[in-house]
Amino acid sequence: MHYKILGRTGLNVSVAGLGCGGHSRLGQTYGNTLEQSADVVRAALDLGINFIDTAAAYGTEKIVGEAVRDRRDKVIISTKTGIASWADPKAAPFTGAQVLEHLDKSLVRLGTDYVDVYNLHGIVAAQLDYVAAEIVPALLRAREQGKIRFLGITEHFGADTDHRMLSAAVPTGVWDLVMVGFNLLNPSARRNVLRLTQAHGVGVQDMFAVRRALSSRDGLKEALDTIEKAGQLDRSKLKPHDPLGFLTKDTEGVVDAAYRFCRHEPGIDVVLTGTGNIEHLKENVASINRGPLPAKMLAKLEELFGQVDSVSGN
């Protein structure tokens, strides 16, 4: 396993991080038992992963807590809370006091008295003023109490594919860590976010390295259709029946290439991978630990998708 220093936090993190959300949620979405999902977390630790990302909304905090119970001091735990009800978008946003209640409940589920990173989950640009006035002071109090080591914020990539929220949030100096959507179909974070995080010493978790568009034929077609409709793709430069076939030369396939693309992007610290299957986890970790893609392949990706900011790849 390779490791990096996570921005100004000083944390030495594995370049592969275990994501406990996404479509799989450690296999809970697909029928894993709680113990089977905990075994995935344990397998990740055995592979050298020391960064685990979860959230109250994922329903996997308790699984993570059980899996790391005997190795808490070896693991960097990142969890999250939203600032409004997911079920009722019209409801009033949470107060700072309510966010602290959410933190305390997460600590109980995780079986720990602190989290290394506490993130505000899925924030959009219109919420930043409220976050600064109401939520940040509460998070700073929790940090003073030792319940949080570092503050993080994550974007709602599906609704913010050009990163307006993070472009505004990073320069404030509040956030030690961000979670950004970045993949080979939409690398716009390179110009909109990563140049800022590097300038401000902010650590970066990468989500959406591989989602449906890069793991299924139908998902890829939908993504390419969207990009073309946005005027950001010349479809004539792709083979109709195998549009990403060029990525399979000198790699282990499209998924392998996708993980390596993200892993070696300057400014990306941790590439999150989520699964409920241990063998699949091993394959993904192997890809993240491989070297960079060939220069010719990177040049072609830049030519095809370098200006894309219209899809998430989900």
Protein backbone atom coordinates (compact mmCIF):
# COMPACT_ATOMS: atom_id res chain seq x y z
CA MET A 1 0.00 0.00 0.00
CA HIS A 2 1.20 3.51 -0.80
CA TYR A 3 0.64 6.39 1.62
CA LYS A 4 0.48 10.19 1.42
CA ILE A 5 0.31 13.10 3.84
CA LEU A 6 -3.24 14.42 3.84
CA GLY A 7 -2.81 18.15 3.27
CA ARG A 8 -2.20 20.26 6.36
CA THR A 9 -3.68 17.59 8.66
CA GLY A 10 -0.34 15.78 8.75
CA LEU A 11 -2.19 12.45 8.68
CA ASN A 12 -0.36 9.68 6.82
CA VAL A 13 -3.15 8.08 4.80
CA SER A 14 -3.40 5.15 2.43
CA VAL A 15 -3.94 6.30 -1.15
CA ALA A 16 -6.82 3.81 -1.29
CA GLY A 17 -9.65 4.60 1.07
CA LEU A 18 -12.62 2.38 1.86
CA GLY A 19 -15.88 4.09 0.95
CA CYS A 20 -18.82 2.75 2.93
CA GLY A 21 -21.57 4.43 0.90
CA GLY A 22 -22.20 4.54 -2.82
CA HIS A 23 -24.33 1.90 -4.48
CA SER A 24 -22.96 -0.96 -2.36
CA ARG A 25 -22.75 0.33 1.23
CA LEU A 26 -20.36 -2.48 2.12
CA GLY A 27 -22.73 -4.91 0.41
CA GLN A 28 -25.72 -3.99 2.56
CA THR A 29 -27.58 -2.92 -0.58
CA TYR A 30 -27.03 -6.37 -2.09
CA GLY A 31 -27.85 -8.58 0.88
CA ASN A 32 -24.64 -8.90 2.88
CA THR A 33 -25.12 -9.70 6.54
CA LEU A 34 -23.70 -7.23 9.04
CA GLU A 35 -20.84 -9.62 9.74
CA GLN A 36 -20.05 -10.04 6.04
CA SER A 37 -19.89 -6.27 5.65
CA ALA A 38 -17.67 -6.00 8.73
CA ASP A 39 -15.38 -8.60 7.15
CA VAL A 40 -14.98 -6.30 4.13
CA VAL A 41 -13.78 -3.54 6.47
CA ARG A 42 -11.39 -5.93 8.20
CA ALA A 43 -10.05 -7.09 4.83
CA ALA A 44 -9.44 -3.47 3.87
CA LEU A 45 -7.39 -2.95 7.02
CA ASP A 46 -5.42 -6.11 6.31
CA LEU A 47 -4.64 -4.75 2.83
CA GLY A 48 -3.12 -1.64 4.41
CA ILE A 49 -6.07 0.73 4.05
CA ASN A 50 -6.15 3.06 7.04
CA PHE A 51 -8.72 5.60 5.80
CA ILE A 52 -12.40 4.71 6.11
CA ASP A 53 -15.18 7.00 4.96
CA THR A 54 -18.72 6.49 6.21
CA ALA A 55 -21.76 8.63 7.07
CA ALA A 56 -24.87 8.60 9.18
CA ALA A 57 -26.94 8.47 6.00
CA TYR A 58 -25.20 5.31 4.77
CA GLY A 59 -26.24 3.16 7.70
CA THR A 60 -22.73 1.70 7.93
CA GLU A 61 -21.24 3.51 10.93
CA LYS A 62 -22.07 0.68 13.34
CA ILE A 63 -20.48 -1.86 10.97
CA VAL A 64 -17.30 0.21 10.81
CA GLY A 65 -17.25 0.59 14.58
CA GLU A 66 -17.50 -3.16 15.10
CA ALA A 67 -14.84 -3.93 12.49
CA VAL A 68 -12.23 -1.50 13.86
CA ARG A 69 -12.98 -2.02 17.55
CA ASP A 70 -9.60 -3.63 18.27
CA ARG A 71 -7.67 -1.39 15.86
CA ARG A 72 -9.15 2.05 16.45
CA ASP A 73 -5.75 3.68 16.97
CA LYS A 74 -4.58 2.41 13.57
CA VAL A 75 -7.54 3.77 11.59
CA ILE A 76 -8.50 7.22 10.33
CA ILE A 77 -12.29 7.47 10.46
CA SER A 78 -14.13 10.04 8.39
CA THR A 79 -17.89 10.38 8.81
CA LYS A 80 -20.53 12.91 7.85
CA THR A 81 -23.82 14.62 8.60
CA GLY A 82 -26.18 16.48 6.36
CA ILE A 83 -27.42 19.91 7.40
CA ALA A 84 -31.02 19.25 6.39
CA SER A 85 -33.41 16.33 6.26
CA TRP A 86 -32.80 14.03 3.29
CA ALA A 87 -36.43 12.90 3.48
CA ASP A 88 -37.99 16.37 3.54
CA PRO A 89 -36.09 18.96 1.46
CA LYS A 90 -38.59 21.66 2.47
CA ALA A 91 -37.83 21.28 6.18
CA ALA A 92 -35.78 23.91 7.98
CA PRO A 93 -32.04 23.23 8.05
CA PHE A 94 -30.52 21.78 11.19
CA THR A 95 -29.19 24.09 13.86
CA GLY A 96 -25.64 23.86 15.12
CA ALA A 97 -26.94 22.17 18.26
CA GLN A 98 -28.72 19.54 16.17
CA VAL A 99 -25.56 18.86 14.17
CA LEU A 100 -23.71 18.25 17.44
CA GLU A 101 -26.44 15.80 18.43
CA HIS A 102 -25.84 13.99 15.14
CA LEU A 103 -22.12 13.89 15.93
CA ASP A 104 -22.74 12.34 19.33
CA LYS A 105 -24.97 9.67 17.78
CA SER A 106 -22.29 8.88 15.20
CA LEU A 107 -19.70 8.49 17.95
CA VAL A 108 -21.95 5.98 19.72
CA ARG A 109 -22.50 3.97 16.53
CA LEU A 110 -18.80 4.02 15.75
CA GLY A 111 -17.87 3.01 19.29
CA THR A 112 -15.34 5.82 19.70
CA ASP A 113 -15.06 9.10 21.55
CA TYR A 114 -13.69 11.03 18.57
CA VAL A 115 -13.64 11.02 14.78
CA ASP A 116 -10.60 12.02 12.80
CA VAL A 117 -12.66 13.88 10.18
CA TYR A 118 -16.21 15.15 10.51
CA ASN A 119 -17.71 16.28 7.22
CA LEU A 120 -20.76 18.28 6.31
CA HIS A 121 -22.41 16.03 3.74
CA GLY A 122 -23.55 17.00 0.25
CA ILE A 123 -23.43 20.77 0.64
CA VAL A 124 -24.38 23.09 -2.22
CA ALA A 125 -23.23 26.65 -2.81
CA ALA A 126 -26.49 28.23 -1.66
CA GLN A 127 -26.01 26.70 1.81
CA LEU A 128 -22.52 28.07 2.50
CA ASP A 129 -23.59 31.30 4.22
CA TYR A 130 -25.82 29.35 6.62
CA VAL A 131 -23.06 26.82 7.22
CA ALA A 132 -20.58 29.58 8.09
CA ALA A 133 -22.95 31.38 10.46
CA GLU A 134 -24.68 28.48 12.21
CA ILE A 135 -22.83 25.18 11.75
CA VAL A 136 -19.13 26.02 11.72
CA PRO A 137 -19.12 27.58 15.23
CA ALA A 138 -20.69 24.38 16.58
CA LEU A 139 -18.10 22.20 14.82
CA LEU A 140 -15.29 24.33 16.23
CA ARG A 141 -16.66 23.81 19.75
CA ALA A 142 -16.72 20.06 19.17
CA ARG A 143 -13.14 20.21 17.95
CA GLU A 144 -12.13 22.07 21.09
CA GLN A 145 -13.80 19.30 23.13
CA GLY A 146 -11.74 16.65 21.31
CA LYS A 147 -14.67 15.03 19.52
CA ILE A 148 -13.39 16.04 16.08
CA ARG A 149 -9.81 16.29 14.92
CA PHE A 150 -10.36 17.88 11.50
CA LEU A 151 -13.24 19.51 9.64
CA GLY A 152 -14.37 18.39 6.19
CA ILE A 153 -16.99 19.28 3.61
CA THR A 154 -18.33 17.20 0.73
CA GLU A 155 -20.04 18.33 -2.44
CA HIS A 156 -23.31 17.17 -3.98
CA PHE A 157 -21.55 16.15 -7.20
CA GLY A 158 -24.64 15.00 -9.07
CA ALA A 159 -26.16 18.48 -8.77
CA ASP A 160 -22.88 20.42 -8.88
CA THR A 161 -20.80 18.80 -11.61
CA ASP A 162 -18.71 21.95 -12.07
CA HIS A 163 -17.88 22.29 -8.34
CA ARG A 164 -19.33 25.71 -7.53
CA MET A 165 -19.62 24.93 -3.82
CA LEU A 166 -16.05 23.72 -3.30
CA SER A 167 -14.64 26.53 -5.43
CA ALA A 168 -16.15 28.93 -2.89
CA ALA A 169 -15.53 26.88 0.26
CA VAL A 170 -11.85 25.98 -0.06
CA PRO A 171 -10.43 29.54 0.07
CA THR A 172 -12.24 30.30 3.36
CA GLY A 173 -9.59 28.40 5.32
CA VAL A 174 -12.21 26.60 7.43
CA TRP A 175 -11.97 23.16 5.87
CA ASP A 176 -9.04 20.80 6.44
CA LEU A 177 -10.42 18.22 4.02
CA VAL A 178 -12.83 18.12 1.10
CA MET A 179 -14.52 15.34 -0.85
CA VAL A 180 -14.69 16.03 -4.56
CA GLY A 181 -16.07 14.18 -7.54
CA PHE A 182 -13.31 13.52 -10.07
CA ASN A 183 -13.02 10.90 -12.78
CA LEU A 184 -11.78 10.49 -16.33
CA LEU A 185 -15.16 11.50 -17.81
CA ASN A 186 -15.31 14.73 -15.78
CA PRO A 187 -11.91 15.97 -14.64
CA SER A 188 -13.11 19.57 -14.15
CA ALA A 189 -12.05 19.54 -10.49
CA ARG A 190 -8.51 19.78 -11.83
CA ARG A 191 -9.06 23.44 -12.72
CA ASN A 192 -11.94 24.32 -10.36
CA VAL A 193 -10.89 22.69 -7.08
CA LEU A 194 -7.51 20.96 -6.99
CA ARG A 195 -5.47 24.05 -7.78
CA LEU A 196 -7.16 25.68 -4.76
CA THR A 197 -6.75 22.75 -2.37
CA GLN A 198 -3.05 22.54 -3.18
CA ALA A 199 -2.61 26.28 -2.64
CA HIS A 200 -4.42 26.15 0.73
CA GLY A 201 -3.02 22.84 2.02
CA VAL A 202 -6.44 21.16 2.02
CA GLY A 203 -6.58 17.36 1.85
CA VAL A 204 -8.68 15.71 -0.85
CA GLN A 205 -10.82 12.59 -0.89
CA ASP A 206 -11.84 11.57 -4.40
CA MET A 207 -15.29 10.07 -4.90
CA PHE A 208 -16.89 8.83 -8.14
CA ALA A 209 -13.59 7.48 -9.49
CA VAL A 210 -15.63 4.53 -10.75
CA ARG A 211 -19.39 4.55 -10.78
CA ARG A 212 -22.02 3.24 -13.19
CA ALA A 213 -20.74 5.11 -16.26
CA LEU A 214 -17.38 3.39 -16.02
CA SER A 215 -18.59 -0.04 -14.98
CA SER A 216 -21.60 -0.68 -17.24
CA ARG A 217 -22.27 -0.31 -20.97
CA ASP A 218 -25.66 1.35 -20.44
CA GLY A 219 -24.25 3.77 -17.88
CA LEU A 220 -21.45 4.77 -20.22
CA LYS A 221 -23.84 5.36 -23.11
CA GLU A 222 -26.04 7.60 -20.95
CA ALA A 223 -23.03 9.60 -19.78
CA LEU A 224 -21.63 10.05 -23.29
CA ASP A 225 -25.07 11.09 -24.57
CA THR A 226 -25.26 13.75 -21.86
CA ILE A 227 -21.76 15.03 -22.59
CA GLU A 228 -22.49 15.19 -26.31
CA LYS A 229 -25.77 17.02 -25.70
CA ALA A 230 -23.85 19.58 -23.65
CA GLY A 231 -21.58 20.20 -26.64
CA GLN A 232 -18.54 18.85 -24.81
CA LEU A 233 -17.77 15.71 -26.85
CA ASP A 234 -16.91 14.95 -30.46
CA ARG A 235 -18.46 11.47 -30.71
CA SER A 236 -16.69 10.84 -34.04
CA LYS A 237 -13.42 10.42 -32.13
CA LEU A 238 -14.79 7.33 -30.32
CA LYS A 239 -15.44 3.87 -31.67
CA PRO A 240 -19.25 3.40 -31.62
CA HIS A 241 -19.24 -0.13 -30.19
CA ASP A 242 -16.26 0.24 -27.83
CA PRO A 243 -15.83 3.95 -27.01
CA LEU A 244 -13.31 3.45 -24.21
CA GLY A 245 -11.55 0.47 -25.75
CA PHE A 246 -8.33 2.46 -26.05
CA LEU A 247 -8.05 2.34 -22.25
CA THR A 248 -7.57 -1.43 -22.26
CA LYS A 249 -4.14 -1.28 -23.92
CA ASP A 250 -1.37 -1.54 -21.31
CA THR A 251 -3.91 -1.69 -18.46
CA GLU A 252 -6.08 -4.30 -16.78
CA GLY A 253 -9.20 -2.74 -18.29
CA VAL A 254 -11.37 0.37 -18.07
CA VAL A 255 -11.90 0.17 -14.31
CA ASP A 256 -8.18 -0.27 -13.70
CA ALA A 257 -7.43 2.72 -15.92
CA ALA A 258 -10.09 4.80 -14.18
CA TYR A 259 -8.64 4.22 -10.72
CA ARG A 260 -5.10 4.89 -11.89
CA PHE A 261 -6.20 8.10 -13.62
CA CYS A 262 -7.52 9.43 -10.30
CA ARG A 263 -4.76 8.08 -8.09
CA HIS A 264 -2.00 9.90 -9.94
CA GLU A 265 -3.77 13.22 -10.41
CA PRO A 266 -1.80 15.95 -8.58
CA GLY A 267 -3.82 17.08 -5.59
CA ILE A 268 -5.75 13.84 -5.06
CA ASP A 269 -4.75 12.25 -1.74
CA VAL A 270 -7.21 9.40 -1.16
CA VAL A 271 -9.16 7.56 -3.85
CA LEU A 272 -12.28 6.01 -2.36
CA THR A 273 -13.38 2.57 -3.47
CA GLY A 274 -16.57 0.92 -2.26
CA THR A 275 -17.68 -2.70 -2.48
CA GLY A 276 -19.26 -5.50 -0.51
CA ASN A 277 -16.98 -8.15 -2.02
CA ILE A 278 -13.48 -8.80 -0.70
CA GLU A 279 -12.06 -10.07 -4.01
CA HIS A 280 -13.43 -7.00 -5.77
CA LEU A 281 -11.85 -4.83 -3.08
CA LYS A 282 -8.46 -6.49 -3.68
CA GLU A 283 -8.71 -5.83 -7.42
CA ASN A 284 -9.56 -2.18 -6.88
CA VAL A 285 -6.77 -1.67 -4.36
CA ALA A 286 -4.29 -3.28 -6.76
CA SER A 287 -5.34 -0.80 -9.45
CA ILE A 288 -4.99 2.19 -7.12
CA ASN A 289 -1.49 1.06 -6.21
CA ARG A 290 -0.35 0.67 -9.82
CA GLY A 291 1.65 3.30 -11.66
CA PRO A 292 0.31 6.16 -13.76
CA LEU A 293 -1.30 5.67 -17.14
CA PRO A 294 0.86 6.00 -20.26
CA ALA A 295 1.38 9.57 -21.42
CA LYS A 296 -0.25 8.88 -24.79
CA MET A 297 -3.39 7.58 -23.07
CA LEU A 298 -3.55 10.59 -20.77
CA ALA A 299 -3.21 12.90 -23.77
CA LYS A 300 -6.13 11.21 -25.51
CA LEU A 301 -8.29 11.45 -22.38
CA GLU A 302 -7.49 15.15 -22.16
CA GLU A 303 -8.42 15.63 -25.82
CA LEU A 304 -11.73 13.79 -25.39
CA PHE A 305 -12.90 14.79 -21.91
CA GLY A 306 -10.61 17.54 -20.65
CA GLN A 307 -13.32 20.22 -20.87
CA VAL A 308 -16.22 18.12 -19.56
CA ASP A 309 -18.11 19.39 -16.51
CA SER A 310 -21.61 18.14 -17.33
CA VAL A 311 -21.77 14.61 -15.82
CA SER A 312 -20.92 12.94 -12.55
CA GLY A 313 -20.48 9.44 -13.96
CA ASN A 314 -22.95 8.01 -11.48
